[in-house]
Amino acid sequence: MNWEQLPLGPLQTNCYLLANQEKKCIIVDPGEEGARVVNHLQQRKLTPQAILLTHAHFDHIGAVDDIRSVYNIPVYLHNKEKNWLMDPSLNGSQLFMMGPIKVKEADHLFTSEGAMKVGDFLFEVFETPGHSPGSVSFYFKEDGVVVAGDALFQGSIGRTDLPGGNHEQLIRSIHDKLLIMPEETQVLPGHGATTTIGEEMDRNPFLNGF
């Protein structure tokens, strides 16, 4: 599997395109600039099979309907944030005065952890709440990659001062779900540069003592 990182919008939220050799792909967190994402897919001759959302903050969902209108593909989100897509007060777009962002309902809701197959892609869903109640991470074990959303960053962790955030819960999520992965696992975060589990175990100041 190959992956590409596309930083989108004013907050430079990382959208990821994960593709196989047959040029099929899944899209994770298309937060903004839907036309740019569609153009990129067309240039790469990629056929998207689904949109996966690590969580439903506005900067991770803004381009969902633009892409869905072109490709008519399903959207996956955790059940705890199913109402956030249509509610600017929950998804944060109202709070940050970005203009109200409303997205149509997700087609499928995660209700538990475990192995999942979407199209041609096999991965594991891990619940990693703390940044938001329904935050999840997508672990592609065979490829040594985890898409962690806004849970874990290079040298930092997700903010927990937004509605539903919980610092202690986030630290537990990172410790119990992410740091148990092989140290060479690549971490694809919601913002900023990629990192590895080992690097964050050694150098992340927010995880000292774990």
N, C-alpha and C. Protein backbone atom coordinates (compact mmCIF):
# COMPACT_ATOMS: atom_id res chain seq x y z
N MET A 1 0.82 -1.19 0.00
CA MET A 1 0.00 0.00 0.00
C MET A 1 0.87 1.25 0.00
N ASN A 2 0.49 2.22 -0.80
CA ASN A 2 1.14 3.52 -0.81
C ASN A 2 0.22 4.55 -0.18
N TRP A 3 0.79 5.60 0.39
CA TRP A 3 -0.04 6.66 0.95
C TRP A 3 0.54 8.03 0.60
N GLU A 4 -0.37 8.99 0.52
CA GLU A 4 0.01 10.38 0.27
C GLU A 4 -0.64 11.26 1.32
N GLN A 5 0.08 12.30 1.70
CA GLN A 5 -0.42 13.28 2.66
C GLN A 5 -0.73 14.58 1.94
N LEU A 6 -1.98 15.05 2.09
CA LEU A 6 -2.38 16.31 1.49
C LEU A 6 -2.83 17.28 2.59
N PRO A 7 -2.00 18.25 2.98
CA PRO A 7 -2.44 19.24 3.96
C PRO A 7 -3.45 20.19 3.30
N LEU A 8 -4.61 20.34 3.95
CA LEU A 8 -5.71 21.08 3.34
C LEU A 8 -6.23 22.18 4.25
N GLY A 9 -6.67 23.28 3.64
CA GLY A 9 -7.36 24.33 4.35
C GLY A 9 -6.47 25.20 5.21
N PRO A 10 -7.07 26.20 5.88
CA PRO A 10 -6.29 27.15 6.67
C PRO A 10 -5.56 26.52 7.85
N LEU A 11 -6.08 25.41 8.36
CA LEU A 11 -5.42 24.72 9.48
C LEU A 11 -4.48 23.62 9.01
N GLN A 12 -4.34 23.49 7.68
CA GLN A 12 -3.43 22.49 7.10
C GLN A 12 -3.67 21.10 7.69
N THR A 13 -4.93 20.72 7.72
CA THR A 13 -5.30 19.39 8.21
C THR A 13 -4.86 18.34 7.19
N ASN A 14 -4.22 17.30 7.67
CA ASN A 14 -3.72 16.26 6.78
C ASN A 14 -4.84 15.34 6.32
N CYS A 15 -5.06 15.33 5.02
CA CYS A 15 -5.90 14.32 4.39
C CYS A 15 -4.96 13.25 3.85
N TYR A 16 -5.35 11.99 3.98
CA TYR A 16 -4.51 10.89 3.49
C TYR A 16 -5.23 10.10 2.42
N LEU A 17 -4.50 9.77 1.38
CA LEU A 17 -4.95 8.87 0.34
C LEU A 17 -4.12 7.60 0.45
N LEU A 18 -4.78 6.49 0.75
CA LEU A 18 -4.09 5.21 0.89
C LEU A 18 -4.50 4.33 -0.27
N ALA A 19 -3.55 3.96 -1.12
CA ALA A 19 -3.86 3.31 -2.38
C ALA A 19 -3.14 1.97 -2.52
N ASN A 20 -3.78 1.05 -3.23
CA ASN A 20 -3.15 -0.23 -3.53
C ASN A 20 -2.62 -0.24 -4.95
N GLN A 21 -2.08 -1.37 -5.36
CA GLN A 21 -1.46 -1.45 -6.68
C GLN A 21 -2.48 -1.37 -7.81
N GLU A 22 -3.74 -1.64 -7.49
CA GLU A 22 -4.80 -1.57 -8.51
C GLU A 22 -5.36 -0.15 -8.65
N LYS A 23 -4.72 0.82 -7.97
CA LYS A 23 -5.13 2.23 -8.05
C LYS A 23 -6.47 2.49 -7.36
N LYS A 24 -6.86 1.59 -6.49
CA LYS A 24 -8.02 1.86 -5.65
C LYS A 24 -7.51 2.48 -4.35
N CYS A 25 -8.33 3.34 -3.74
CA CYS A 25 -7.86 4.03 -2.56
C CYS A 25 -8.99 4.31 -1.58
N ILE A 26 -8.60 4.61 -0.35
CA ILE A 26 -9.53 5.16 0.62
C ILE A 26 -9.00 6.54 1.02
N ILE A 27 -9.93 7.40 1.37
CA ILE A 27 -9.60 8.78 1.74
C ILE A 27 -9.86 8.94 3.23
N VAL A 28 -8.89 9.50 3.93
CA VAL A 28 -9.07 9.74 5.36
C VAL A 28 -9.04 11.25 5.63
N ASP A 29 -10.08 11.75 6.27
CA ASP A 29 -10.17 13.13 6.76
C ASP A 29 -9.98 14.20 5.67
N PRO A 30 -10.87 14.24 4.69
CA PRO A 30 -10.80 15.34 3.70
C PRO A 30 -11.42 16.60 4.30
N GLY A 31 -10.58 17.46 4.87
CA GLY A 31 -11.08 18.56 5.68
C GLY A 31 -11.47 19.81 4.93
N GLU A 32 -10.98 19.99 3.72
CA GLU A 32 -11.19 21.25 3.00
C GLU A 32 -10.77 21.01 1.56
N GLU A 33 -11.01 21.99 0.69
CA GLU A 33 -10.51 21.98 -0.68
C GLU A 33 -10.91 20.71 -1.44
N GLY A 34 -12.22 20.44 -1.46
CA GLY A 34 -12.72 19.24 -2.12
C GLY A 34 -12.32 19.15 -3.58
N ALA A 35 -12.38 20.28 -4.29
CA ALA A 35 -12.03 20.27 -5.72
C ALA A 35 -10.57 19.88 -5.92
N ARG A 36 -9.71 20.32 -5.02
CA ARG A 36 -8.29 19.97 -5.11
C ARG A 36 -8.10 18.47 -4.90
N VAL A 37 -8.82 17.90 -3.93
CA VAL A 37 -8.70 16.47 -3.68
C VAL A 37 -9.18 15.68 -4.89
N VAL A 38 -10.33 16.06 -5.45
CA VAL A 38 -10.87 15.37 -6.62
C VAL A 38 -9.90 15.47 -7.78
N ASN A 39 -9.34 16.65 -8.00
CA ASN A 39 -8.38 16.83 -9.09
C ASN A 39 -7.15 15.95 -8.88
N HIS A 40 -6.70 15.86 -7.64
CA HIS A 40 -5.53 15.02 -7.33
C HIS A 40 -5.84 13.55 -7.61
N LEU A 41 -7.01 13.11 -7.22
CA LEU A 41 -7.42 11.73 -7.49
C LEU A 41 -7.44 11.45 -8.99
N GLN A 42 -7.97 12.39 -9.74
CA GLN A 42 -8.06 12.21 -11.18
C GLN A 42 -6.69 12.20 -11.84
N GLN A 43 -5.81 13.07 -11.36
CA GLN A 43 -4.46 13.10 -11.92
C GLN A 43 -3.71 11.80 -11.64
N ARG A 44 -3.93 11.25 -10.45
CA ARG A 44 -3.27 10.00 -10.08
C ARG A 44 -3.99 8.77 -10.61
N LYS A 45 -5.16 9.02 -11.24
CA LYS A 45 -6.00 7.93 -11.75
C LYS A 45 -6.37 6.94 -10.64
N LEU A 46 -6.71 7.50 -9.48
CA LEU A 46 -7.12 6.70 -8.32
C LEU A 46 -8.64 6.62 -8.24
N THR A 47 -9.13 5.46 -7.85
CA THR A 47 -10.56 5.24 -7.68
C THR A 47 -10.85 5.09 -6.20
N PRO A 48 -11.46 6.10 -5.57
CA PRO A 48 -11.74 5.99 -4.14
C PRO A 48 -12.88 5.03 -3.85
N GLN A 49 -12.76 4.30 -2.75
CA GLN A 49 -13.78 3.34 -2.35
C GLN A 49 -14.55 3.76 -1.12
N ALA A 50 -13.98 4.68 -0.34
CA ALA A 50 -14.66 5.12 0.88
C ALA A 50 -13.93 6.32 1.46
N ILE A 51 -14.63 7.02 2.35
CA ILE A 51 -14.04 8.08 3.16
C ILE A 51 -14.10 7.64 4.61
N LEU A 52 -12.95 7.62 5.28
CA LEU A 52 -12.88 7.31 6.70
C LEU A 52 -12.60 8.59 7.47
N LEU A 53 -13.30 8.79 8.58
CA LEU A 53 -13.10 9.96 9.41
C LEU A 53 -12.57 9.54 10.77
N THR A 54 -11.43 10.11 11.15
CA THR A 54 -10.89 9.82 12.48
C THR A 54 -11.75 10.46 13.56
N HIS A 55 -12.38 11.59 13.23
CA HIS A 55 -13.33 12.25 14.12
C HIS A 55 -14.03 13.33 13.31
N ALA A 56 -14.96 14.04 13.94
CA ALA A 56 -15.85 14.91 13.17
C ALA A 56 -15.67 16.40 13.46
N HIS A 57 -14.46 16.83 13.79
CA HIS A 57 -14.21 18.27 13.88
C HIS A 57 -14.23 18.87 12.47
N PHE A 58 -14.62 20.14 12.41
CA PHE A 58 -14.87 20.79 11.12
C PHE A 58 -13.68 20.72 10.16
N ASP A 59 -12.48 20.79 10.69
CA ASP A 59 -11.31 20.82 9.82
C ASP A 59 -10.94 19.45 9.27
N HIS A 60 -11.70 18.43 9.65
CA HIS A 60 -11.48 17.08 9.13
C HIS A 60 -12.62 16.60 8.23
N ILE A 61 -13.69 17.39 8.13
CA ILE A 61 -14.89 16.92 7.41
C ILE A 61 -15.35 17.85 6.29
N GLY A 62 -14.73 19.02 6.16
CA GLY A 62 -15.27 20.05 5.29
C GLY A 62 -15.45 19.69 3.83
N ALA A 63 -14.65 18.76 3.32
CA ALA A 63 -14.74 18.41 1.89
C ALA A 63 -15.48 17.09 1.65
N VAL A 64 -16.06 16.52 2.70
CA VAL A 64 -16.69 15.20 2.57
C VAL A 64 -17.77 15.19 1.50
N ASP A 65 -18.70 16.15 1.56
CA ASP A 65 -19.81 16.13 0.61
C ASP A 65 -19.38 16.48 -0.81
N ASP A 66 -18.36 17.33 -0.95
CA ASP A 66 -17.84 17.64 -2.29
C ASP A 66 -17.32 16.38 -2.97
N ILE A 67 -16.60 15.56 -2.20
CA ILE A 67 -16.05 14.32 -2.76
C ILE A 67 -17.14 13.29 -2.94
N ARG A 68 -18.04 13.20 -1.99
CA ARG A 68 -19.11 12.21 -2.07
C ARG A 68 -20.03 12.49 -3.25
N SER A 69 -20.21 13.76 -3.60
CA SER A 69 -21.09 14.10 -4.73
C SER A 69 -20.50 13.66 -6.06
N VAL A 70 -19.17 13.58 -6.13
CA VAL A 70 -18.50 13.16 -7.37
C VAL A 70 -18.41 11.64 -7.46
N TYR A 71 -18.09 10.99 -6.34
CA TYR A 71 -17.79 9.56 -6.38
C TYR A 71 -18.86 8.67 -5.76
N ASN A 72 -19.80 9.26 -5.03
CA ASN A 72 -20.88 8.46 -4.43
C ASN A 72 -20.33 7.29 -3.63
N ILE A 73 -19.42 7.59 -2.71
CA ILE A 73 -18.77 6.56 -1.89
C ILE A 73 -19.23 6.71 -0.44
N PRO A 74 -19.20 5.63 0.34
CA PRO A 74 -19.67 5.68 1.72
C PRO A 74 -18.70 6.38 2.65
N VAL A 75 -19.26 6.94 3.72
CA VAL A 75 -18.49 7.63 4.74
C VAL A 75 -18.62 6.87 6.06
N TYR A 76 -17.49 6.70 6.75
CA TYR A 76 -17.44 5.97 8.02
C TYR A 76 -17.02 6.91 9.14
N LEU A 77 -17.71 6.80 10.29
CA LEU A 77 -17.47 7.66 11.44
C LEU A 77 -17.88 6.92 12.70
N HIS A 78 -17.29 7.27 13.84
CA HIS A 78 -17.70 6.63 15.08
C HIS A 78 -19.09 7.11 15.50
N ASN A 79 -19.84 6.18 16.05
CA ASN A 79 -21.21 6.43 16.45
C ASN A 79 -21.34 7.59 17.44
N LYS A 80 -20.33 7.79 18.29
CA LYS A 80 -20.41 8.83 19.31
C LYS A 80 -20.43 10.24 18.72
N GLU A 81 -20.06 10.36 17.44
CA GLU A 81 -20.05 11.68 16.81
C GLU A 81 -20.98 11.73 15.59
N LYS A 82 -21.95 10.85 15.56
CA LYS A 82 -22.84 10.79 14.40
C LYS A 82 -23.61 12.08 14.19
N ASN A 83 -23.89 12.82 15.27
CA ASN A 83 -24.66 14.06 15.15
C ASN A 83 -23.80 15.28 14.88
N TRP A 84 -22.50 15.11 14.94
CA TRP A 84 -21.60 16.25 14.79
C TRP A 84 -21.54 16.77 13.36
N LEU A 85 -21.72 15.90 12.39
CA LEU A 85 -21.55 16.31 10.99
C LEU A 85 -22.49 17.44 10.60
N MET A 86 -23.72 17.41 11.10
CA MET A 86 -24.73 18.40 10.74
C MET A 86 -24.83 19.55 11.75
N ASP A 87 -24.04 19.51 12.80
CA ASP A 87 -24.19 20.47 13.89
C ASP A 87 -22.92 21.32 14.06
N PRO A 88 -22.92 22.57 13.59
CA PRO A 88 -21.73 23.42 13.70
C PRO A 88 -21.29 23.68 15.14
N SER A 89 -22.22 23.59 16.10
CA SER A 89 -21.83 23.81 17.50
C SER A 89 -21.06 22.62 18.04
N LEU A 90 -21.27 21.43 17.49
CA LEU A 90 -20.55 20.24 17.91
C LEU A 90 -19.26 20.06 17.13
N ASN A 91 -19.30 20.29 15.81
CA ASN A 91 -18.09 20.05 15.02
C ASN A 91 -17.08 21.19 15.10
N GLY A 92 -17.45 22.26 15.80
CA GLY A 92 -16.49 23.32 16.08
C GLY A 92 -16.46 24.46 15.08
N SER A 93 -17.14 24.32 13.95
CA SER A 93 -17.09 25.39 12.95
C SER A 93 -17.74 26.67 13.47
N GLN A 94 -18.75 26.55 14.33
CA GLN A 94 -19.38 27.72 14.93
C GLN A 94 -18.46 28.37 15.95
N LEU A 95 -17.79 27.56 16.73
CA LEU A 95 -16.89 28.05 17.77
C LEU A 95 -15.74 28.85 17.18
N PHE A 96 -15.20 28.38 16.04
CA PHE A 96 -14.04 29.02 15.45
C PHE A 96 -14.40 30.04 14.38
N MET A 97 -15.70 30.29 14.22
CA MET A 97 -16.18 31.29 13.26
C MET A 97 -15.62 31.07 11.86
N MET A 98 -15.59 29.80 11.45
CA MET A 98 -15.11 29.46 10.11
C MET A 98 -16.26 29.46 9.10
N GLY A 99 -17.44 29.86 9.56
CA GLY A 99 -18.63 29.67 8.76
C GLY A 99 -19.18 28.30 9.07
N PRO A 100 -20.50 28.18 9.19
CA PRO A 100 -21.07 26.89 9.60
C PRO A 100 -20.78 25.79 8.59
N ILE A 101 -20.26 24.67 9.08
CA ILE A 101 -20.00 23.51 8.23
C ILE A 101 -20.99 22.42 8.60
N LYS A 102 -21.74 21.99 7.61
CA LYS A 102 -22.70 20.91 7.79
C LYS A 102 -22.46 19.85 6.72
N VAL A 103 -22.40 18.61 7.15
CA VAL A 103 -22.13 17.48 6.26
C VAL A 103 -23.24 16.46 6.43
N LYS A 104 -23.63 15.85 5.35
CA LYS A 104 -24.68 14.82 5.42
C LYS A 104 -24.24 13.67 6.31
N GLU A 105 -25.20 12.93 6.79
CA GLU A 105 -24.93 11.83 7.72
C GLU A 105 -23.94 10.81 7.15
N ALA A 106 -23.20 10.20 8.04
CA ALA A 106 -22.30 9.11 7.64
C ALA A 106 -23.12 7.89 7.23
N ASP A 107 -22.58 7.12 6.33
CA ASP A 107 -23.27 5.92 5.84
C ASP A 107 -23.09 4.75 6.79
N HIS A 108 -21.93 4.71 7.47
CA HIS A 108 -21.64 3.60 8.39
C HIS A 108 -21.03 4.18 9.66
N LEU A 109 -21.40 3.60 10.80
CA LEU A 109 -20.93 4.08 12.09
C LEU A 109 -20.15 2.98 12.80
N PHE A 110 -18.95 3.34 13.27
CA PHE A 110 -18.19 2.43 14.11
C PHE A 110 -18.83 2.40 15.49
N THR A 111 -19.04 1.22 16.01
CA THR A 111 -19.60 1.09 17.36
C THR A 111 -18.67 0.32 18.29
N SER A 112 -17.61 -0.22 17.73
CA SER A 112 -16.65 -0.98 18.54
C SER A 112 -15.33 -1.05 17.79
N GLU A 113 -14.33 -1.58 18.46
CA GLU A 113 -13.03 -1.76 17.84
C GLU A 113 -12.98 -3.09 17.09
N GLY A 114 -11.92 -3.25 16.31
CA GLY A 114 -11.72 -4.55 15.67
C GLY A 114 -11.33 -4.45 14.22
N ALA A 115 -11.14 -5.63 13.63
CA ALA A 115 -10.75 -5.71 12.22
C ALA A 115 -11.91 -5.29 11.33
N MET A 116 -11.56 -4.67 10.22
CA MET A 116 -12.59 -4.19 9.31
C MET A 116 -12.06 -4.28 7.89
N LYS A 117 -12.97 -4.55 6.96
CA LYS A 117 -12.63 -4.51 5.54
C LYS A 117 -13.53 -3.49 4.86
N VAL A 118 -12.91 -2.54 4.19
CA VAL A 118 -13.64 -1.54 3.41
C VAL A 118 -13.11 -1.61 1.99
N GLY A 119 -13.96 -2.02 1.07
CA GLY A 119 -13.48 -2.23 -0.29
C GLY A 119 -12.41 -3.29 -0.30
N ASP A 120 -11.25 -2.95 -0.82
CA ASP A 120 -10.14 -3.89 -0.88
C ASP A 120 -9.15 -3.72 0.26
N PHE A 121 -9.51 -2.94 1.28
CA PHE A 121 -8.55 -2.59 2.33
C PHE A 121 -8.93 -3.22 3.66
N LEU A 122 -7.93 -3.86 4.27
CA LEU A 122 -8.08 -4.47 5.58
C LEU A 122 -7.32 -3.63 6.61
N PHE A 123 -7.95 -3.34 7.74
CA PHE A 123 -7.30 -2.57 8.78
C PHE A 123 -8.02 -2.81 10.10
N GLU A 124 -7.45 -2.28 11.16
CA GLU A 124 -8.08 -2.37 12.47
C GLU A 124 -8.49 -0.98 12.94
N VAL A 125 -9.64 -0.92 13.57
CA VAL A 125 -10.14 0.32 14.15
C VAL A 125 -9.85 0.30 15.65
N PHE A 126 -9.17 1.34 16.13
CA PHE A 126 -8.92 1.50 17.56
C PHE A 126 -9.61 2.76 18.06
N GLU A 127 -10.37 2.62 19.13
CA GLU A 127 -10.97 3.79 19.75
C GLU A 127 -9.89 4.53 20.54
N THR A 128 -9.66 5.81 20.18
CA THR A 128 -8.62 6.60 20.84
C THR A 128 -9.20 7.95 21.27
N PRO A 129 -10.22 7.93 22.13
CA PRO A 129 -10.86 9.18 22.54
C PRO A 129 -9.99 10.02 23.45
N GLY A 130 -10.39 11.25 23.63
CA GLY A 130 -9.66 12.19 24.47
C GLY A 130 -9.61 13.54 23.80
N HIS A 131 -9.19 13.57 22.54
CA HIS A 131 -9.29 14.80 21.75
C HIS A 131 -10.76 15.09 21.47
N SER A 132 -11.49 14.05 21.18
CA SER A 132 -12.95 14.11 21.04
C SER A 132 -13.49 12.75 21.44
N PRO A 133 -14.78 12.66 21.78
CA PRO A 133 -15.33 11.40 22.31
C PRO A 133 -15.27 10.23 21.35
N GLY A 134 -15.39 10.50 20.05
CA GLY A 134 -15.44 9.43 19.07
C GLY A 134 -14.20 9.30 18.22
N SER A 135 -13.09 9.83 18.70
CA SER A 135 -11.84 9.74 17.93
C SER A 135 -11.41 8.28 17.77
N VAL A 136 -11.02 7.92 16.56
CA VAL A 136 -10.52 6.58 16.29
C VAL A 136 -9.22 6.68 15.50
N SER A 137 -8.45 5.59 15.54
CA SER A 137 -7.23 5.46 14.74
C SER A 137 -7.35 4.23 13.87
N PHE A 138 -6.79 4.30 12.67
CA PHE A 138 -6.86 3.20 11.71
C PHE A 138 -5.48 2.59 11.55
N TYR A 139 -5.37 1.32 11.91
CA TYR A 139 -4.08 0.63 11.94
C TYR A 139 -3.99 -0.37 10.79
N PHE A 140 -3.05 -0.12 9.89
CA PHE A 140 -2.78 -1.01 8.77
C PHE A 140 -1.53 -1.82 9.14
N LYS A 141 -1.76 -2.92 9.82
CA LYS A 141 -0.67 -3.67 10.44
C LYS A 141 0.35 -4.17 9.43
N GLU A 142 -0.12 -4.73 8.33
CA GLU A 142 0.81 -5.29 7.35
C GLU A 142 1.71 -4.23 6.73
N ASP A 143 1.22 -3.00 6.68
CA ASP A 143 1.99 -1.92 6.09
C ASP A 143 2.74 -1.11 7.14
N GLY A 144 2.51 -1.41 8.42
CA GLY A 144 3.21 -0.71 9.48
C GLY A 144 2.84 0.76 9.58
N VAL A 145 1.54 1.05 9.42
CA VAL A 145 1.07 2.44 9.40
C VAL A 145 -0.16 2.58 10.28
N VAL A 146 -0.22 3.65 11.08
CA VAL A 146 -1.44 3.98 11.81
C VAL A 146 -1.80 5.43 11.51
N VAL A 147 -3.05 5.64 11.10
CA VAL A 147 -3.57 6.98 10.89
C VAL A 147 -4.23 7.40 12.20
N ALA A 148 -3.60 8.34 12.90
CA ALA A 148 -3.97 8.62 14.29
C ALA A 148 -4.84 9.85 14.49
N GLY A 149 -5.21 10.53 13.41
CA GLY A 149 -6.04 11.72 13.57
C GLY A 149 -5.35 12.73 14.46
N ASP A 150 -6.12 13.34 15.38
CA ASP A 150 -5.56 14.35 16.26
C ASP A 150 -5.24 13.79 17.65
N ALA A 151 -5.00 12.50 17.73
CA ALA A 151 -4.61 11.91 19.02
C ALA A 151 -3.14 12.17 19.31
N LEU A 152 -2.28 11.81 18.36
CA LEU A 152 -0.83 11.86 18.58
C LEU A 152 -0.15 12.58 17.42
N PHE A 153 0.70 13.54 17.77
CA PHE A 153 1.47 14.29 16.79
C PHE A 153 2.97 14.09 17.03
N GLN A 154 3.76 14.58 16.09
CA GLN A 154 5.20 14.57 16.30
C GLN A 154 5.53 15.54 17.43
N GLY A 155 5.96 14.99 18.56
CA GLY A 155 6.34 15.80 19.70
C GLY A 155 5.20 16.43 20.46
N SER A 156 3.97 16.00 20.18
CA SER A 156 2.84 16.62 20.85
C SER A 156 1.66 15.66 20.87
N ILE A 157 0.54 16.13 21.42
CA ILE A 157 -0.70 15.36 21.45
C ILE A 157 -1.85 16.30 21.09
N GLY A 158 -3.02 15.74 20.85
CA GLY A 158 -4.16 16.54 20.49
C GLY A 158 -4.63 17.44 21.63
N ARG A 159 -5.23 18.57 21.28
CA ARG A 159 -5.77 19.46 22.29
C ARG A 159 -7.00 18.82 22.94
N THR A 160 -7.26 19.17 24.17
CA THR A 160 -8.37 18.55 24.90
C THR A 160 -9.28 19.60 25.53
N ASP A 161 -9.19 20.85 25.07
CA ASP A 161 -9.99 21.93 25.63
C ASP A 161 -11.26 22.21 24.83
N LEU A 162 -11.55 21.37 23.85
CA LEU A 162 -12.78 21.51 23.07
C LEU A 162 -13.87 20.65 23.70
N PRO A 163 -15.15 20.90 23.34
CA PRO A 163 -16.24 20.11 23.92
C PRO A 163 -16.01 18.61 23.78
N GLY A 164 -16.11 17.88 24.89
CA GLY A 164 -15.92 16.44 24.87
C GLY A 164 -14.48 16.01 25.02
N GLY A 165 -13.56 16.96 25.12
CA GLY A 165 -12.15 16.62 25.28
C GLY A 165 -11.82 16.22 26.71
N ASN A 166 -10.81 15.36 26.87
CA ASN A 166 -10.43 14.88 28.18
C ASN A 166 -8.95 14.49 28.14
N HIS A 167 -8.12 15.27 28.83
CA HIS A 167 -6.67 15.05 28.75
C HIS A 167 -6.25 13.68 29.27
N GLU A 168 -6.74 13.30 30.43
CA GLU A 168 -6.36 12.01 31.01
C GLU A 168 -6.79 10.86 30.11
N GLN A 169 -7.97 10.99 29.53
CA GLN A 169 -8.46 9.95 28.62
C GLN A 169 -7.59 9.85 27.38
N LEU A 170 -7.15 10.99 26.86
CA LEU A 170 -6.29 10.98 25.68
C LEU A 170 -4.95 10.31 25.98
N ILE A 171 -4.36 10.63 27.12
CA ILE A 171 -3.09 10.00 27.49
C ILE A 171 -3.27 8.49 27.61
N ARG A 172 -4.38 8.05 28.20
CA ARG A 172 -4.64 6.61 28.30
C ARG A 172 -4.81 5.99 26.93
N SER A 173 -5.50 6.67 26.06
CA SER A 173 -5.70 6.15 24.70
C SER A 173 -4.38 5.95 23.99
N ILE A 174 -3.52 6.95 24.07
CA ILE A 174 -2.22 6.86 23.41
C ILE A 174 -1.40 5.72 24.00
N HIS A 175 -1.40 5.64 25.33
CA HIS A 175 -0.59 4.63 26.00
C HIS A 175 -1.11 3.22 25.73
N ASP A 176 -2.44 3.04 25.83
CA ASP A 176 -3.02 1.69 25.75
C ASP A 176 -3.24 1.21 24.32
N LYS A 177 -3.41 2.12 23.37
CA LYS A 177 -3.77 1.71 22.01
C LYS A 177 -2.66 1.95 20.99
N LEU A 178 -1.88 3.01 21.16
CA LEU A 178 -0.89 3.35 20.14
C LEU A 178 0.52 2.94 20.52
N LEU A 179 0.92 3.20 21.74
CA LEU A 179 2.30 2.90 22.12
C LEU A 179 2.59 1.41 22.22
N ILE A 180 1.55 0.58 22.15
CA ILE A 180 1.76 -0.87 22.16
C ILE A 180 2.13 -1.40 20.77
N MET A 181 2.02 -0.56 19.77
CA MET A 181 2.36 -0.97 18.41
C MET A 181 3.87 -1.05 18.26
N PRO A 182 4.37 -1.81 17.27
CA PRO A 182 5.82 -1.86 17.04
C PRO A 182 6.42 -0.48 16.89
N GLU A 183 7.60 -0.29 17.44
CA GLU A 183 8.21 1.03 17.47
C GLU A 183 8.45 1.61 16.08
N GLU A 184 8.59 0.75 15.09
CA GLU A 184 8.84 1.26 13.73
C GLU A 184 7.55 1.68 13.02
N THR A 185 6.40 1.50 13.65
CA THR A 185 5.13 1.87 13.03
C THR A 185 5.11 3.35 12.70
N GLN A 186 4.78 3.67 11.47
CA GLN A 186 4.66 5.07 11.06
C GLN A 186 3.34 5.64 11.57
N VAL A 187 3.41 6.82 12.16
CA VAL A 187 2.23 7.52 12.64
C VAL A 187 1.89 8.63 11.66
N LEU A 188 0.69 8.57 11.09
CA LEU A 188 0.22 9.61 10.18
C LEU A 188 -0.76 10.49 10.95
N PRO A 189 -0.33 11.67 11.40
CA PRO A 189 -1.15 12.50 12.27
C PRO A 189 -2.08 13.43 11.50
N GLY A 190 -3.01 14.03 12.24
CA GLY A 190 -3.97 14.93 11.62
C GLY A 190 -3.38 16.26 11.21
N HIS A 191 -2.25 16.63 11.79
CA HIS A 191 -1.56 17.88 11.45
C HIS A 191 -0.07 17.65 11.58
N GLY A 192 0.69 18.31 10.74
CA GLY A 192 2.14 18.27 10.86
C GLY A 192 2.78 17.05 10.24
N ALA A 193 4.05 16.87 10.57
CA ALA A 193 4.87 15.84 9.95
C ALA A 193 4.56 14.45 10.51
N THR A 194 4.86 13.44 9.72
CA THR A 194 4.72 12.06 10.19
C THR A 194 5.82 11.75 11.19
N THR A 195 5.61 10.69 11.96
CA THR A 195 6.58 10.29 12.96
C THR A 195 6.51 8.78 13.11
N THR A 196 7.10 8.23 14.16
CA THR A 196 6.99 6.80 14.44
C THR A 196 6.64 6.62 15.92
N ILE A 197 6.11 5.45 16.22
CA ILE A 197 5.79 5.14 17.61
C ILE A 197 7.05 5.22 18.48
N GLY A 198 8.14 4.67 18.00
CA GLY A 198 9.37 4.69 18.76
C GLY A 198 9.88 6.10 19.05
N GLU A 199 9.80 6.96 18.04
CA GLU A 199 10.25 8.34 18.22
C GLU A 199 9.43 9.04 19.30
N GLU A 200 8.12 8.81 19.29
CA GLU A 200 7.28 9.48 20.28
C GLU A 200 7.46 8.88 21.67
N MET A 201 7.73 7.60 21.75
CA MET A 201 8.03 7.00 23.05
C MET A 201 9.28 7.61 23.66
N ASP A 202 10.25 7.92 22.82
CA ASP A 202 11.53 8.41 23.29
C ASP A 202 11.55 9.93 23.54
N ARG A 203 10.80 10.69 22.70
CA ARG A 203 11.02 12.14 22.68
C ARG A 203 9.80 12.99 22.98
N ASN A 204 8.61 12.41 22.99
CA ASN A 204 7.42 13.24 23.17
C ASN A 204 7.30 13.67 24.63
N PRO A 205 7.40 14.97 24.92
CA PRO A 205 7.40 15.43 26.31
C PRO A 205 6.07 15.17 27.02
N PHE A 206 4.97 15.04 26.26
CA PHE A 206 3.67 14.81 26.88
C PHE A 206 3.51 13.36 27.35
N LEU A 207 4.40 12.50 26.89
CA LEU A 207 4.30 11.08 27.23
C LEU A 207 5.36 10.65 28.21
N ASN A 208 6.16 11.58 28.70
CA ASN A 208 7.19 11.23 29.68
C ASN A 208 6.54 10.62 30.92
N GLY A 209 7.12 9.54 31.38
CA GLY A 209 6.59 8.88 32.55
C GLY A 209 5.71 7.69 32.22
N PHE A 210 5.42 7.49 30.90
CA PHE A 210 4.61 6.34 30.52
C PHE A 210 5.50 5.23 29.99
